[in-house]
Amino acid sequence: MATQTNKGLKIGVTTVYVDDQDKALKFYTDVLGFAKKDDFSNGGFRWLTVAAPGDGDGTALQLALDNNPAAKALAASLYQNHAPAVMLMTDDLAGDFERIKSKGAKIAMPVTEVTMSKIAQIDDTCGNLVQLTQLMR
């Protein structure tokens, strides 16, 4: 039986709601090491995305302002329940964790072994926890 792949759909953008887009941009670029992809405004709306450096056509992370009640409630609930708003994958959790920590990141959870992976959580200072994950293969 041949395996079929979906050649039509792919994930282009996913969103994390932040309470300050400028502060978030600084964190996601200066601390985590992403590159700014899009940044433009139309009236009171700002479309702001980051992506992995050199991956301009890859998946982007939208840093959306949490200026509506649903977004604020979602971000607050995730944070209060220690649930990450976004999960980033790495092949070198220890190295990435130390690099990010050395840039002054607020650590919410140090490197911890869990089922089939190692994880750590960083506070993005904009209302979210960011989980770093390394799968154990």
N, C-alpha and C. Protein backbone atom coordinates (compact mmCIF):
# COMPACT_ATOMS: atom_id res chain seq x y z
N MET A 1 0.84 -1.17 0.00
CA MET A 1 0.00 0.00 0.00
C MET A 1 0.89 1.24 0.00
N ALA A 2 0.71 2.10 -0.95
CA ALA A 2 1.52 3.31 -1.08
C ALA A 2 1.07 4.36 -0.07
N THR A 3 2.05 5.08 0.48
CA THR A 3 1.75 6.17 1.39
C THR A 3 1.48 7.42 0.58
N GLN A 4 0.39 8.09 0.89
CA GLN A 4 0.06 9.33 0.20
C GLN A 4 0.51 10.50 1.05
N THR A 5 1.00 11.53 0.40
CA THR A 5 1.36 12.75 1.10
C THR A 5 0.49 13.87 0.60
N ASN A 6 0.20 14.80 1.46
CA ASN A 6 -0.61 15.95 1.10
C ASN A 6 0.30 17.01 0.52
N LYS A 7 0.20 17.22 -0.77
CA LYS A 7 1.06 18.19 -1.45
C LYS A 7 0.41 19.56 -1.54
N GLY A 8 -0.84 19.68 -1.11
CA GLY A 8 -1.55 20.94 -1.26
C GLY A 8 -1.53 21.82 -0.01
N LEU A 9 -1.63 21.23 1.15
CA LEU A 9 -1.74 22.02 2.37
C LEU A 9 -0.46 21.94 3.20
N LYS A 10 -0.13 23.05 3.81
CA LYS A 10 0.98 23.07 4.77
C LYS A 10 0.69 24.17 5.78
N ILE A 11 1.29 24.09 6.92
CA ILE A 11 1.12 25.11 7.94
C ILE A 11 1.97 26.31 7.55
N GLY A 12 1.33 27.46 7.44
CA GLY A 12 2.04 28.67 7.04
C GLY A 12 2.30 29.60 8.20
N VAL A 13 1.29 29.80 9.04
CA VAL A 13 1.39 30.74 10.16
C VAL A 13 0.63 30.17 11.34
N THR A 14 1.19 30.31 12.50
CA THR A 14 0.47 30.04 13.74
C THR A 14 0.62 31.28 14.61
N THR A 15 -0.28 31.46 15.55
CA THR A 15 -0.35 32.71 16.29
C THR A 15 -0.09 32.52 17.77
N VAL A 16 0.63 33.46 18.35
CA VAL A 16 0.74 33.58 19.80
C VAL A 16 0.31 35.01 20.13
N TYR A 17 -0.56 35.14 21.12
CA TYR A 17 -1.08 36.45 21.52
C TYR A 17 -0.15 37.07 22.56
N VAL A 18 0.23 38.32 22.34
CA VAL A 18 1.17 39.01 23.22
C VAL A 18 0.56 40.32 23.70
N ASP A 19 1.01 40.79 24.85
CA ASP A 19 0.48 42.05 25.37
C ASP A 19 1.25 43.28 24.89
N ASP A 20 2.38 43.06 24.21
CA ASP A 20 3.19 44.18 23.69
C ASP A 20 3.98 43.64 22.48
N GLN A 21 3.61 44.07 21.29
CA GLN A 21 4.25 43.53 20.09
C GLN A 21 5.71 43.93 19.96
N ASP A 22 6.07 45.15 20.33
CA ASP A 22 7.48 45.57 20.24
C ASP A 22 8.35 44.77 21.20
N LYS A 23 7.86 44.59 22.41
CA LYS A 23 8.58 43.81 23.42
C LYS A 23 8.70 42.35 22.96
N ALA A 24 7.62 41.82 22.38
CA ALA A 24 7.63 40.44 21.89
C ALA A 24 8.63 40.28 20.75
N LEU A 25 8.64 41.23 19.82
CA LEU A 25 9.59 41.16 18.71
C LEU A 25 11.02 41.12 19.22
N LYS A 26 11.32 41.95 20.20
CA LYS A 26 12.67 41.96 20.79
C LYS A 26 13.00 40.60 21.42
N PHE A 27 12.06 40.03 22.17
CA PHE A 27 12.30 38.73 22.80
C PHE A 27 12.49 37.63 21.76
N TYR A 28 11.57 37.53 20.81
CA TYR A 28 11.61 36.42 19.85
C TYR A 28 12.80 36.52 18.88
N THR A 29 13.31 37.74 18.66
CA THR A 29 14.49 37.88 17.79
C THR A 29 15.79 37.90 18.60
N ASP A 30 15.90 38.80 19.57
CA ASP A 30 17.15 38.96 20.32
C ASP A 30 17.44 37.80 21.27
N VAL A 31 16.43 37.26 21.90
CA VAL A 31 16.64 36.20 22.90
C VAL A 31 16.54 34.81 22.26
N LEU A 32 15.45 34.56 21.51
CA LEU A 32 15.27 33.23 20.93
C LEU A 32 16.04 33.04 19.62
N GLY A 33 16.32 34.13 18.91
CA GLY A 33 17.13 34.02 17.69
C GLY A 33 16.34 33.92 16.39
N PHE A 34 15.04 34.19 16.44
CA PHE A 34 14.26 34.20 15.21
C PHE A 34 14.53 35.48 14.42
N ALA A 35 14.10 35.50 13.17
CA ALA A 35 14.26 36.68 12.32
C ALA A 35 12.88 37.28 12.04
N LYS A 36 12.82 38.60 12.02
CA LYS A 36 11.56 39.25 11.67
C LYS A 36 11.25 38.93 10.21
N LYS A 37 10.02 38.49 9.96
CA LYS A 37 9.60 38.13 8.60
C LYS A 37 8.71 39.22 8.01
N ASP A 38 7.61 39.54 8.68
CA ASP A 38 6.67 40.56 8.20
C ASP A 38 6.40 41.55 9.32
N ASP A 39 6.26 42.81 8.95
CA ASP A 39 5.89 43.83 9.93
C ASP A 39 5.25 44.98 9.17
N PHE A 40 3.93 45.01 9.15
CA PHE A 40 3.24 46.12 8.53
C PHE A 40 1.93 46.40 9.25
N SER A 41 1.47 47.63 9.12
CA SER A 41 0.27 48.08 9.81
C SER A 41 -0.77 48.56 8.82
N ASN A 42 -2.02 48.46 9.24
CA ASN A 42 -3.14 48.98 8.47
C ASN A 42 -4.13 49.51 9.49
N GLY A 43 -4.20 50.82 9.61
CA GLY A 43 -5.05 51.40 10.66
C GLY A 43 -4.49 51.02 12.01
N GLY A 44 -5.32 50.46 12.86
CA GLY A 44 -4.87 50.04 14.19
C GLY A 44 -4.38 48.61 14.25
N PHE A 45 -4.32 47.93 13.12
CA PHE A 45 -3.90 46.53 13.08
C PHE A 45 -2.44 46.42 12.64
N ARG A 46 -1.67 45.60 13.32
CA ARG A 46 -0.27 45.34 12.95
C ARG A 46 -0.07 43.85 12.72
N TRP A 47 0.40 43.50 11.53
CA TRP A 47 0.73 42.11 11.20
C TRP A 47 2.23 41.96 11.42
N LEU A 48 2.59 41.14 12.41
CA LEU A 48 3.99 40.98 12.80
C LEU A 48 4.29 39.49 12.90
N THR A 49 5.27 39.02 12.12
CA THR A 49 5.64 37.61 12.18
C THR A 49 7.15 37.46 12.29
N VAL A 50 7.56 36.32 12.86
CA VAL A 50 8.95 35.91 12.93
C VAL A 50 9.05 34.50 12.37
N ALA A 51 10.25 34.13 11.94
CA ALA A 51 10.49 32.79 11.41
C ALA A 51 11.93 32.41 11.71
N ALA A 52 12.24 31.15 11.51
CA ALA A 52 13.62 30.70 11.69
C ALA A 52 14.50 31.44 10.69
N PRO A 53 15.70 31.85 11.10
CA PRO A 53 16.59 32.56 10.17
C PRO A 53 16.85 31.72 8.92
N GLY A 54 16.78 32.35 7.77
CA GLY A 54 17.04 31.66 6.51
C GLY A 54 15.89 30.81 6.03
N ASP A 55 14.76 30.84 6.73
CA ASP A 55 13.61 30.01 6.36
C ASP A 55 12.42 30.90 6.02
N GLY A 56 12.63 31.83 5.08
CA GLY A 56 11.62 32.81 4.73
C GLY A 56 10.33 32.22 4.21
N ASP A 57 10.38 31.03 3.63
CA ASP A 57 9.17 30.38 3.12
C ASP A 57 8.59 29.37 4.10
N GLY A 58 9.23 29.22 5.25
CA GLY A 58 8.77 28.24 6.23
C GLY A 58 7.65 28.79 7.10
N THR A 59 7.30 28.01 8.10
CA THR A 59 6.24 28.40 9.03
C THR A 59 6.64 29.66 9.78
N ALA A 60 5.69 30.57 9.90
CA ALA A 60 5.91 31.82 10.63
C ALA A 60 5.10 31.80 11.92
N LEU A 61 5.58 32.54 12.89
CA LEU A 61 4.87 32.72 14.15
C LEU A 61 4.39 34.16 14.19
N GLN A 62 3.06 34.34 14.20
CA GLN A 62 2.50 35.68 14.28
C GLN A 62 2.49 36.12 15.74
N LEU A 63 3.01 37.31 15.99
CA LEU A 63 2.98 37.90 17.31
C LEU A 63 1.81 38.88 17.32
N ALA A 64 0.63 38.37 17.65
CA ALA A 64 -0.61 39.14 17.55
C ALA A 64 -0.93 39.82 18.88
N LEU A 65 -1.36 41.06 18.80
CA LEU A 65 -1.72 41.81 19.99
C LEU A 65 -2.99 41.20 20.60
N ASP A 66 -2.96 40.98 21.90
CA ASP A 66 -4.11 40.38 22.60
C ASP A 66 -5.13 41.46 22.97
N ASN A 67 -5.59 42.18 21.96
CA ASN A 67 -6.47 43.31 22.22
C ASN A 67 -7.96 42.97 22.15
N ASN A 68 -8.29 41.71 22.28
CA ASN A 68 -9.71 41.35 22.39
C ASN A 68 -9.88 40.42 23.58
N PRO A 69 -11.06 40.40 24.18
CA PRO A 69 -11.27 39.61 25.41
C PRO A 69 -10.95 38.13 25.26
N ALA A 70 -11.27 37.54 24.12
CA ALA A 70 -11.01 36.10 23.94
C ALA A 70 -9.51 35.82 23.94
N ALA A 71 -8.73 36.65 23.25
CA ALA A 71 -7.27 36.47 23.21
C ALA A 71 -6.67 36.65 24.59
N LYS A 72 -7.10 37.68 25.31
CA LYS A 72 -6.59 37.92 26.66
C LYS A 72 -6.91 36.75 27.58
N ALA A 73 -8.15 36.24 27.49
CA ALA A 73 -8.56 35.12 28.34
C ALA A 73 -7.77 33.86 28.02
N LEU A 74 -7.55 33.58 26.74
CA LEU A 74 -6.78 32.40 26.35
C LEU A 74 -5.35 32.49 26.87
N ALA A 75 -4.69 33.61 26.62
CA ALA A 75 -3.30 33.77 27.05
C ALA A 75 -3.19 33.67 28.57
N ALA A 76 -4.09 34.33 29.28
CA ALA A 76 -4.04 34.30 30.75
C ALA A 76 -4.28 32.89 31.28
N SER A 77 -5.24 32.18 30.70
CA SER A 77 -5.54 30.82 31.16
C SER A 77 -4.37 29.88 30.92
N LEU A 78 -3.78 29.93 29.74
CA LEU A 78 -2.62 29.09 29.46
C LEU A 78 -1.50 29.37 30.45
N TYR A 79 -1.19 30.65 30.65
CA TYR A 79 -0.09 31.04 31.53
C TYR A 79 -0.35 30.58 32.97
N GLN A 80 -1.57 30.84 33.48
CA GLN A 80 -1.89 30.47 34.86
C GLN A 80 -1.85 28.96 35.08
N ASN A 81 -2.08 28.21 34.02
CA ASN A 81 -2.06 26.75 34.12
C ASN A 81 -0.72 26.14 33.71
N HIS A 82 0.30 26.99 33.58
CA HIS A 82 1.66 26.56 33.23
C HIS A 82 1.71 25.83 31.90
N ALA A 83 0.79 26.17 31.00
CA ALA A 83 0.73 25.55 29.67
C ALA A 83 1.39 26.49 28.66
N PRO A 84 2.23 25.95 27.79
CA PRO A 84 2.91 26.81 26.82
C PRO A 84 1.95 27.31 25.74
N ALA A 85 2.17 28.54 25.31
CA ALA A 85 1.41 29.11 24.20
C ALA A 85 1.97 28.62 22.88
N VAL A 86 3.26 28.26 22.89
CA VAL A 86 3.92 27.78 21.68
C VAL A 86 5.00 26.79 22.10
N MET A 87 5.21 25.78 21.25
CA MET A 87 6.25 24.78 21.50
C MET A 87 7.25 24.85 20.36
N LEU A 88 8.51 25.02 20.71
CA LEU A 88 9.59 25.07 19.73
C LEU A 88 10.42 23.81 19.85
N MET A 89 10.79 23.24 18.72
CA MET A 89 11.55 22.00 18.70
C MET A 89 13.04 22.30 18.50
N THR A 90 13.87 21.48 19.11
CA THR A 90 15.32 21.61 18.99
C THR A 90 15.96 20.23 19.02
N ASP A 91 17.14 20.14 18.43
CA ASP A 91 17.94 18.92 18.52
C ASP A 91 19.02 19.07 19.59
N ASP A 92 19.12 20.26 20.21
CA ASP A 92 20.14 20.53 21.22
C ASP A 92 19.52 21.38 22.33
N LEU A 93 18.66 20.77 23.12
CA LEU A 93 17.97 21.51 24.18
C LEU A 93 18.95 22.12 25.17
N ALA A 94 19.94 21.36 25.60
CA ALA A 94 20.89 21.88 26.59
C ALA A 94 21.61 23.12 26.05
N GLY A 95 22.09 23.04 24.82
CA GLY A 95 22.80 24.17 24.23
C GLY A 95 21.90 25.38 24.01
N ASP A 96 20.71 25.15 23.45
CA ASP A 96 19.78 26.25 23.23
C ASP A 96 19.32 26.87 24.54
N PHE A 97 19.06 26.04 25.53
CA PHE A 97 18.63 26.53 26.84
C PHE A 97 19.70 27.43 27.45
N GLU A 98 20.94 27.00 27.41
CA GLU A 98 22.03 27.81 27.98
C GLU A 98 22.21 29.12 27.20
N ARG A 99 22.11 29.07 25.88
CA ARG A 99 22.23 30.29 25.05
C ARG A 99 21.12 31.28 25.40
N ILE A 100 19.90 30.79 25.50
CA ILE A 100 18.75 31.64 25.81
C ILE A 100 18.85 32.18 27.23
N LYS A 101 19.24 31.33 28.15
CA LYS A 101 19.41 31.74 29.56
C LYS A 101 20.48 32.83 29.67
N SER A 102 21.56 32.70 28.90
CA SER A 102 22.64 33.69 28.97
C SER A 102 22.22 35.06 28.44
N LYS A 103 21.13 35.10 27.70
CA LYS A 103 20.61 36.37 27.18
C LYS A 103 19.62 37.01 28.15
N GLY A 104 19.51 36.44 29.35
CA GLY A 104 18.67 37.01 30.39
C GLY A 104 17.23 36.54 30.41
N ALA A 105 16.92 35.47 29.70
CA ALA A 105 15.54 34.97 29.67
C ALA A 105 15.09 34.53 31.05
N LYS A 106 13.83 34.78 31.34
CA LYS A 106 13.23 34.35 32.60
C LYS A 106 12.84 32.87 32.46
N ILE A 107 13.44 32.03 33.27
CA ILE A 107 13.22 30.59 33.19
C ILE A 107 11.98 30.22 34.00
N ALA A 108 11.03 29.57 33.36
CA ALA A 108 9.83 29.12 34.05
C ALA A 108 9.95 27.65 34.48
N MET A 109 10.74 26.86 33.71
CA MET A 109 11.00 25.46 34.04
C MET A 109 12.36 25.10 33.46
N PRO A 110 13.27 24.62 34.30
CA PRO A 110 14.57 24.20 33.77
C PRO A 110 14.42 22.93 32.92
N VAL A 111 15.48 22.52 32.29
CA VAL A 111 15.44 21.31 31.47
C VAL A 111 14.97 20.15 32.34
N THR A 112 13.94 19.47 31.86
CA THR A 112 13.29 18.40 32.60
C THR A 112 13.01 17.23 31.65
N GLU A 113 13.32 16.02 32.09
CA GLU A 113 13.00 14.85 31.28
C GLU A 113 11.56 14.45 31.54
N VAL A 114 10.81 14.26 30.47
CA VAL A 114 9.43 13.76 30.52
C VAL A 114 9.35 12.59 29.56
N THR A 115 8.18 12.03 29.41
CA THR A 115 8.01 10.87 28.54
C THR A 115 8.45 11.18 27.12
N MET A 116 9.45 10.48 26.63
CA MET A 116 9.94 10.54 25.26
C MET A 116 10.56 11.87 24.85
N SER A 117 10.81 12.79 25.81
CA SER A 117 11.42 14.05 25.44
C SER A 117 12.01 14.75 26.66
N LYS A 118 12.75 15.81 26.37
CA LYS A 118 13.23 16.74 27.38
C LYS A 118 12.59 18.07 27.05
N ILE A 119 12.17 18.81 28.08
CA ILE A 119 11.53 20.10 27.86
C ILE A 119 12.08 21.14 28.82
N ALA A 120 11.89 22.39 28.47
CA ALA A 120 12.16 23.53 29.34
C ALA A 120 11.15 24.59 28.95
N GLN A 121 10.85 25.50 29.88
CA GLN A 121 9.92 26.59 29.57
C GLN A 121 10.56 27.92 29.91
N ILE A 122 10.32 28.88 29.01
CA ILE A 122 10.82 30.24 29.13
C ILE A 122 9.62 31.18 29.15
N ASP A 123 9.67 32.23 29.98
CA ASP A 123 8.63 33.25 30.01
C ASP A 123 9.01 34.30 28.96
N ASP A 124 8.11 34.56 28.00
CA ASP A 124 8.44 35.51 26.94
C ASP A 124 8.27 36.97 27.35
N THR A 125 7.91 37.22 28.60
CA THR A 125 7.71 38.55 29.18
C THR A 125 6.54 39.31 28.56
N CYS A 126 5.77 38.64 27.72
CA CYS A 126 4.61 39.26 27.05
C CYS A 126 3.34 38.48 27.31
N GLY A 127 3.34 37.67 28.38
CA GLY A 127 2.14 36.95 28.77
C GLY A 127 2.10 35.48 28.41
N ASN A 128 3.24 34.91 27.97
CA ASN A 128 3.23 33.53 27.50
C ASN A 128 4.41 32.73 28.01
N LEU A 129 4.19 31.42 28.06
CA LEU A 129 5.28 30.49 28.27
C LEU A 129 5.62 29.86 26.93
N VAL A 130 6.90 29.76 26.66
CA VAL A 130 7.41 29.15 25.44
C VAL A 130 8.09 27.86 25.86
N GLN A 131 7.67 26.75 25.30
CA GLN A 131 8.28 25.46 25.63
C GLN A 131 9.30 25.08 24.58
N LEU A 132 10.48 24.72 25.03
CA LEU A 132 11.53 24.17 24.18
C LEU A 132 11.49 22.67 24.36
N THR A 133 11.46 21.93 23.26
CA THR A 133 11.31 20.48 23.32
C THR A 133 12.35 19.77 22.47
N GLN A 134 12.98 18.77 23.04
CA GLN A 134 13.88 17.88 22.29
C GLN A 134 13.34 16.48 22.42
N LEU A 135 12.96 15.88 21.30
CA LEU A 135 12.47 14.51 21.33
C LEU A 135 13.62 13.57 21.59
N MET A 136 13.37 12.52 22.34
CA MET A 136 14.39 11.51 22.64
C MET A 136 14.13 10.34 21.73
N ARG A 137 14.97 10.19 20.76
CA ARG A 137 14.76 9.15 19.74
C ARG A 137 15.68 8.00 19.96
